[in-house]
């Protein structure tokens, strides 16, 4: 009989040993909850392609962020769903527009307990659904879009956003926004750069959530899914331009990019577990094909293991609740 001398299984033999030898542990403070807030009153509206996720009103969002704060998560990322859109995304810079109004309300509610963050992009506010202004030929005009981003940044900062999520993938957006913030006295408002944001098929349910009007695609500014080195390059550029945090999006299909960015970054690296990743697990679990809780935990753990310091996930509060219950035992 062969008797191995080296037995790695020793550290897997009991729950206590497995717990002691665990290399990565999840904590609620590493989780950020994306939230959709729509104009109007009434009840929250369920998003059919994202079971369990809703379009909030400001009132229901207040209740949701209070629950999130009690669960101990790190923050919430707000997306606005306006009633009216136009070519330049006017609602994005209206101080009383839905995103800015919601930011003020939620920052007042829980701003000391967690980080209230805002999506800084035009796609939710434009009638064409692109993340920037369109040129005469229909292409997205990078440099004129930067001017709108700077205007958005100032309104969002004035509304109480503690961290601005630059998700539009325009060249030079971090440097432009950082300069605008600093020149106007918002030196303490942090910038999260969606640095490696890929033109992914996994955003489909999100576009339902924000009622996107996009026709065509965003491949002229979001990254080609085939390109790993380009994602790392974008992150390094954003760090040079003054980003406080860089992010990889989506997470699950881009763990290699996430790991490489984490290996070279001197600042925090986050990842966004996007709507399609959420919807696939929910759908498979609803059919009884996978264990929902184990799949949720494993999916987020894998993102942390690849190098993310924090994870944006629609399961943030539910997962935090599980972690708190486990800790209490």
Protein backbone atom coordinates (compact mmCIF):
# COMPACT_ATOMS: atom_id res chain seq x y z
CA UNK A 1 0.00 0.00 0.00
CA UNK A 2 1.22 3.48 -0.89
CA UNK A 3 1.39 5.78 2.13
CA UNK A 4 1.87 9.44 1.14
CA UNK A 5 4.00 11.57 3.43
CA UNK A 6 2.54 14.86 2.22
CA UNK A 7 -1.19 14.90 2.84
CA UNK A 8 -2.88 18.21 1.93
CA UNK A 9 -6.22 16.64 2.88
CA UNK A 10 -5.31 17.00 6.55
CA UNK A 11 -6.35 20.65 6.43
CA UNK A 12 -9.69 19.73 4.84
CA UNK A 13 -10.68 16.99 7.23
CA UNK A 14 -12.98 18.93 9.59
CA UNK A 15 -15.08 22.12 9.34
CA UNK A 16 -12.87 23.76 11.96
CA UNK A 17 -9.65 22.99 10.08
CA UNK A 18 -11.16 24.14 6.78
CA UNK A 19 -12.24 27.38 8.42
CA UNK A 20 -8.81 27.93 9.96
CA UNK A 21 -6.99 27.25 6.68
CA UNK A 22 -9.28 29.40 4.52
CA UNK A 23 -7.25 31.84 2.43
CA UNK A 24 -10.04 34.28 1.54
CA UNK A 25 -12.94 35.31 3.75
CA UNK A 26 -15.88 37.42 2.71
CA UNK A 27 -16.95 40.35 4.85
CA UNK A 28 -20.05 42.57 4.45
CA UNK A 29 -17.90 45.71 4.26
CA UNK A 30 -16.41 44.43 0.97
CA UNK A 31 -19.82 44.43 -0.73
CA UNK A 32 -21.52 47.25 -2.64
CA UNK A 33 -25.19 47.12 -3.64
CA UNK A 34 -26.19 48.57 -7.04
CA UNK A 35 -29.63 50.22 -6.78
CA UNK A 36 -32.03 51.61 -9.38
CA UNK A 37 -34.15 54.63 -8.45
CA UNK A 38 -36.92 55.80 -10.77
CA UNK A 39 -38.92 58.97 -10.98
CA UNK A 40 -42.41 58.92 -9.53
CA UNK A 41 -44.21 57.57 -6.50
CA UNK A 42 -45.93 54.31 -5.74
CA UNK A 43 -44.52 50.87 -5.10
CA UNK A 44 -41.15 49.58 -6.28
CA UNK A 45 -41.34 47.95 -9.71
CA UNK A 46 -39.93 44.42 -10.08
CA UNK A 47 -37.40 43.92 -12.86
CA UNK A 48 -38.54 40.78 -14.66
CA UNK A 49 -35.11 39.69 -15.89
CA UNK A 50 -33.56 40.18 -12.42
CA UNK A 51 -35.72 38.31 -9.88
CA UNK A 52 -35.60 40.03 -6.50
CA UNK A 53 -34.29 43.34 -7.86
CA UNK A 54 -36.56 46.37 -8.26
CA UNK A 55 -36.71 49.92 -9.52
CA UNK A 56 -37.06 51.86 -6.28
CA UNK A 57 -38.85 55.07 -5.60
CA UNK A 58 -36.96 57.47 -3.35
CA UNK A 59 -39.11 56.41 -0.41
CA UNK A 60 -38.53 52.70 -0.92
CA UNK A 61 -34.83 53.37 -1.55
CA UNK A 62 -34.62 55.01 1.87
CA UNK A 63 -35.89 51.83 3.47
CA UNK A 64 -33.55 49.70 1.37
CA UNK A 65 -30.42 51.66 2.26
CA UNK A 66 -31.33 51.55 5.94
CA UNK A 67 -31.48 47.76 5.66
CA UNK A 68 -28.18 47.79 3.78
CA UNK A 69 -26.53 49.88 6.48
CA UNK A 70 -27.83 47.56 9.19
CA UNK A 71 -26.35 44.60 7.29
CA UNK A 72 -22.96 46.35 7.36
CA UNK A 73 -22.25 46.47 3.63
CA UNK A 74 -19.70 48.96 2.36
CA UNK A 75 -21.82 51.08 0.07
CA UNK A 76 -24.58 51.52 -2.48
CA UNK A 77 -24.14 52.51 -6.13
CA UNK A 78 -27.10 54.52 -7.44
CA UNK A 79 -28.47 54.50 -10.98
CA UNK A 80 -31.25 56.86 -12.04
CA UNK A 81 -34.24 55.97 -14.22
CA UNK A 82 -35.68 59.27 -15.50
CA UNK A 83 -39.14 59.79 -16.97
CA UNK A 84 -37.86 61.99 -19.81
CA UNK A 85 -34.67 61.69 -21.87
CA UNK A 86 -33.05 63.82 -24.54
CA UNK A 87 -30.01 63.86 -26.80
CA UNK A 88 -27.68 65.46 -24.26
CA UNK A 89 -28.98 63.75 -21.12
CA UNK A 90 -30.23 66.94 -19.50
CA UNK A 91 -31.64 65.05 -16.53
CA UNK A 92 -28.13 64.00 -15.52
CA UNK A 93 -27.17 67.55 -14.57
CA UNK A 94 -30.53 68.72 -13.26
CA UNK A 95 -30.03 69.17 -9.50
CA UNK A 96 -33.60 67.96 -9.05
CA UNK A 97 -33.25 65.09 -11.52
CA UNK A 98 -33.94 61.64 -10.14
CA UNK A 99 -30.34 60.54 -9.57
CA UNK A 100 -29.29 63.75 -7.83
CA UNK A 101 -32.49 63.97 -5.76
CA UNK A 102 -32.09 60.34 -4.70
CA UNK A 103 -28.45 60.94 -3.79
CA UNK A 104 -29.37 63.81 -1.48
CA UNK A 105 -32.11 61.77 0.18
CA UNK A 106 -30.01 58.66 0.70
CA UNK A 107 -26.86 60.48 1.76
CA UNK A 108 -28.93 62.23 4.42
CA UNK A 109 -30.40 58.89 5.48
CA UNK A 110 -27.28 56.71 5.74
CA UNK A 111 -24.29 58.74 4.57
CA UNK A 112 -22.43 58.18 7.83
CA UNK A 113 -23.02 54.42 7.83
CA UNK A 114 -21.99 53.48 4.30
CA UNK A 115 -20.61 55.07 1.13
CA UNK A 116 -23.29 56.56 -1.12
CA UNK A 117 -21.93 56.30 -4.66
CA UNK A 118 -23.33 57.43 -8.00
CA UNK A 119 -23.04 56.22 -11.56
CA UNK A 120 -21.54 58.99 -13.67
CA UNK A 121 -22.62 58.17 -17.20
CA UNK A 122 -25.10 59.54 -19.70
CA UNK A 123 -26.65 56.32 -21.00
CA UNK A 124 -29.56 56.34 -18.54
CA UNK A 125 -30.43 59.92 -19.49
CA UNK A 126 -29.99 60.05 -23.29
CA UNK A 127 -32.77 59.21 -25.74
CA UNK A 128 -30.25 57.36 -27.94
CA UNK A 129 -28.94 55.28 -25.03
CA UNK A 130 -25.25 55.89 -25.60
CA UNK A 131 -22.83 56.82 -22.82
CA UNK A 132 -21.85 60.07 -24.49
CA UNK A 133 -22.91 62.83 -26.84
CA UNK A 134 -23.31 61.97 -30.50
CA UNK A 135 -21.45 63.67 -33.33
CA UNK A 136 -23.19 64.58 -36.59
CA UNK A 137 -22.20 61.23 -38.10
CA UNK A 138 -23.77 59.32 -35.20
CA UNK A 139 -20.51 58.35 -33.51
CA UNK A 140 -19.89 59.04 -29.83
CA UNK A 141 -17.92 62.28 -29.47
CA UNK A 142 -15.31 61.62 -26.79
CA UNK A 143 -14.17 65.15 -25.99
CA UNK A 144 -17.54 66.91 -25.89
CA UNK A 145 -18.74 64.07 -23.67
CA UNK A 146 -15.97 64.86 -21.18
CA UNK A 147 -17.46 68.32 -20.70
CA UNK A 148 -20.82 66.77 -19.79
CA UNK A 149 -19.11 64.34 -17.41
CA UNK A 150 -17.46 67.26 -15.60
CA UNK A 151 -20.83 68.98 -15.27
CA UNK A 152 -22.34 65.76 -13.92
CA UNK A 153 -19.49 65.33 -11.46
CA UNK A 154 -20.06 68.72 -9.90
CA UNK A 155 -23.81 68.19 -9.51
CA UNK A 156 -23.36 64.70 -8.06
CA UNK A 157 -20.71 65.89 -5.62
CA UNK A 158 -22.92 68.80 -4.56
CA UNK A 159 -25.76 66.31 -4.03
CA UNK A 160 -23.69 64.33 -1.53
CA UNK A 161 -22.15 61.52 -3.55
CA UNK A 162 -18.99 60.37 -1.82
CA UNK A 163 -17.65 58.42 -4.78
CA UNK A 164 -18.31 58.96 -8.48
CA UNK A 165 -18.43 55.86 -10.68
CA UNK A 166 -17.07 56.85 -14.09
CA UNK A 167 -18.54 54.09 -16.23
CA UNK A 168 -18.63 55.70 -19.69
CA UNK A 169 -15.22 54.49 -20.97
CA UNK A 170 -14.30 57.82 -22.59
CA UNK A 171 -10.59 58.51 -23.04
CA UNK A 172 -9.33 60.98 -20.45
CA UNK A 173 -12.48 60.89 -18.31
CA UNK A 174 -10.67 60.40 -15.01
CA UNK A 175 -8.27 63.30 -15.53
CA UNK A 176 -11.08 65.61 -16.69
CA UNK A 177 -13.39 64.81 -13.78
CA UNK A 178 -10.62 64.90 -11.18
CA UNK A 179 -9.55 68.34 -12.37
CA UNK A 180 -13.13 69.66 -12.36
CA UNK A 181 -13.71 68.38 -8.83
CA UNK A 182 -10.48 69.82 -7.49
CA UNK A 183 -10.94 73.23 -9.10
CA UNK A 184 -14.39 73.51 -7.57
CA UNK A 185 -13.47 72.52 -4.04
CA UNK A 186 -14.51 68.84 -4.10
CA UNK A 187 -11.03 67.56 -3.34
CA UNK A 188 -12.36 64.86 -1.02
CA UNK A 189 -14.85 63.38 -3.50
CA UNK A 190 -13.41 60.06 -4.66
CA UNK A 191 -13.32 58.73 -8.22
CA UNK A 192 -14.00 55.12 -9.14
CA UNK A 193 -12.81 54.39 -12.67
CA UNK A 194 -14.59 51.66 -14.58
CA UNK A 195 -11.24 51.00 -16.19
CA UNK A 196 -11.63 47.60 -17.82
CA UNK A 197 -15.28 47.67 -18.85
CA UNK A 198 -15.92 45.18 -21.61
CA UNK A 199 -18.54 45.22 -24.38
CA UNK A 200 -20.26 42.23 -22.82
CA UNK A 201 -23.36 40.19 -23.52
CA UNK A 202 -23.92 39.97 -19.76
CA UNK A 203 -25.42 43.47 -19.47
CA UNK A 204 -28.79 42.54 -20.93
CA UNK A 205 -30.90 42.57 -17.75
CA UNK A 206 -29.31 45.85 -16.65
CA UNK A 207 -30.67 47.50 -19.76
CA UNK A 208 -34.12 46.34 -18.71
CA UNK A 209 -33.49 47.81 -15.27
CA UNK A 210 -32.66 51.30 -16.58
CA UNK A 211 -35.13 51.06 -19.51
CA UNK A 212 -32.30 51.60 -21.98
CA UNK A 213 -33.15 53.06 -25.37
CA UNK A 214 -29.90 51.93 -26.95
CA UNK A 215 -29.90 50.75 -30.55
CA UNK A 216 -26.71 49.18 -31.81
CA UNK A 217 -23.79 48.59 -29.47
CA UNK A 218 -21.02 50.30 -27.51
CA UNK A 219 -18.05 48.54 -29.04
CA UNK A 220 -16.39 51.77 -30.15
CA UNK A 221 -15.71 52.68 -26.52
CA UNK A 222 -16.09 49.57 -24.35
CA UNK A 223 -13.33 46.96 -24.53
CA UNK A 224 -13.18 43.98 -26.87
CA UNK A 225 -13.78 40.81 -24.79
CA UNK A 226 -10.75 39.26 -26.52
CA UNK A 227 -8.31 41.81 -25.08
CA UNK A 228 -6.63 41.10 -21.76
CA UNK A 229 -3.61 43.42 -22.02
CA UNK A 230 -5.78 46.33 -23.07
CA UNK A 231 -7.77 46.03 -19.85
CA UNK A 232 -4.59 46.28 -17.79
CA UNK A 233 -3.42 49.25 -19.86
CA UNK A 234 -6.69 51.09 -19.26
CA UNK A 235 -6.40 50.54 -15.51
CA UNK A 236 -2.83 51.86 -15.43
CA UNK A 237 -3.87 54.95 -17.42
CA UNK A 238 -6.69 55.65 -14.97
CA UNK A 239 -4.31 55.32 -12.03
CA UNK A 240 -1.99 57.84 -13.68
CA UNK A 241 -4.93 60.21 -14.20
CA UNK A 242 -5.81 60.21 -10.50
CA UNK A 243 -8.38 57.48 -9.94
CA UNK A 244 -8.88 56.46 -6.33
CA UNK A 245 -10.25 53.01 -7.25
CA UNK A 246 -10.18 51.05 -10.52
CA UNK A 247 -12.69 48.42 -11.55
CA UNK A 248 -13.10 45.45 -13.86
CA UNK A 249 -16.56 44.78 -15.32
CA UNK A 250 -18.00 42.17 -15.75
CA UNK A 251 -16.36 40.10 -13.06
CA UNK A 252 -16.97 36.38 -13.54
CA UNK A 253 -15.86 36.07 -17.17
CA UNK A 254 -12.88 38.38 -16.68
CA UNK A 255 -11.16 36.96 -13.62
CA UNK A 256 -7.88 36.80 -15.53
CA UNK A 257 -8.02 40.53 -16.24
CA UNK A 258 -9.01 41.20 -12.63
CA UNK A 259 -6.04 39.20 -11.35
CA UNK A 260 -3.60 41.03 -13.60
CA UNK A 261 -4.96 44.46 -12.69
CA UNK A 262 -4.77 43.57 -9.00
CA UNK A 263 -1.16 42.46 -9.42
CA UNK A 264 -0.03 45.83 -10.80
CA UNK A 265 -2.36 48.28 -9.03
CA UNK A 266 -1.20 50.38 -6.08
CA UNK A 267 -4.79 51.45 -5.39
CA UNK A 268 -7.93 49.42 -4.56
CA UNK A 269 -9.34 47.21 -7.30
CA UNK A 270 -13.05 46.45 -7.42
CA UNK A 271 -15.16 44.24 -9.68
CA UNK A 272 -18.80 44.39 -10.74
CA UNK A 273 -20.78 41.16 -10.75
CA UNK A 274 -23.17 42.28 -13.45
CA UNK A 275 -26.86 41.70 -14.12
CA UNK A 276 -26.38 38.77 -16.48
CA UNK A 277 -24.22 36.94 -13.96
CA UNK A 278 -26.93 37.49 -11.35
CA UNK A 279 -29.75 36.44 -13.66
CA UNK A 280 -28.05 33.20 -14.74
CA UNK A 281 -27.58 31.97 -11.19
CA UNK A 282 -31.11 32.98 -10.22
CA UNK A 283 -32.55 31.19 -13.26
CA UNK A 284 -30.56 28.01 -12.69
CA UNK A 285 -31.49 27.99 -9.01
CA UNK A 286 -35.17 28.55 -9.81
CA UNK A 287 -35.08 25.37 -11.90
CA UNK A 288 -33.41 23.44 -9.10
CA UNK A 289 -30.28 22.90 -11.15
CA UNK A 290 -27.87 24.43 -8.61
CA UNK A 291 -27.79 25.19 -4.91
CA UNK A 292 -28.58 28.92 -4.91
CA UNK A 293 -26.85 29.95 -1.70
CA UNK A 294 -23.70 27.99 -2.40
CA UNK A 295 -23.55 29.33 -5.96
CA UNK A 296 -23.98 32.92 -4.79
CA UNK A 297 -21.28 32.61 -2.16
CA UNK A 298 -18.88 30.76 -4.48
CA UNK A 299 -19.34 33.28 -7.29
CA UNK A 300 -18.52 36.26 -5.06
CA UNK A 301 -15.69 34.39 -3.32
CA UNK A 302 -14.08 33.66 -6.69
CA UNK A 303 -14.10 37.37 -7.54
CA UNK A 304 -12.42 38.19 -4.23
CA UNK A 305 -9.94 35.36 -4.74
CA UNK A 306 -8.96 36.77 -8.13
CA UNK A 307 -7.96 40.02 -6.45
CA UNK A 308 -10.99 42.27 -5.98
CA UNK A 309 -10.89 44.32 -2.80
CA UNK A 310 -14.63 44.93 -3.06
CA UNK A 311 -17.45 43.51 -5.19
CA UNK A 312 -20.52 45.24 -6.57
CA UNK A 313 -23.23 42.60 -6.45
CA UNK A 314 -27.03 42.56 -6.40
CA UNK A 315 -26.78 39.99 -3.60
CA UNK A 316 -24.84 42.37 -1.33
CA UNK A 317 -27.43 42.66 1.45
CA UNK A 318 -28.58 39.04 1.33
CA UNK A 319 -25.00 37.78 1.30
CA UNK A 320 -24.06 40.12 4.16
CA UNK A 321 -26.99 38.77 6.16
CA UNK A 322 -25.74 35.21 5.67
CA UNK A 323 -22.23 36.22 6.70
CA UNK A 324 -23.51 37.97 9.81
CA UNK A 325 -25.57 34.94 10.80
CA UNK A 326 -22.55 32.68 10.36
CA UNK A 327 -20.39 34.98 12.45
CA UNK A 328 -23.02 35.05 15.23
CA UNK A 329 -23.04 31.28 15.56
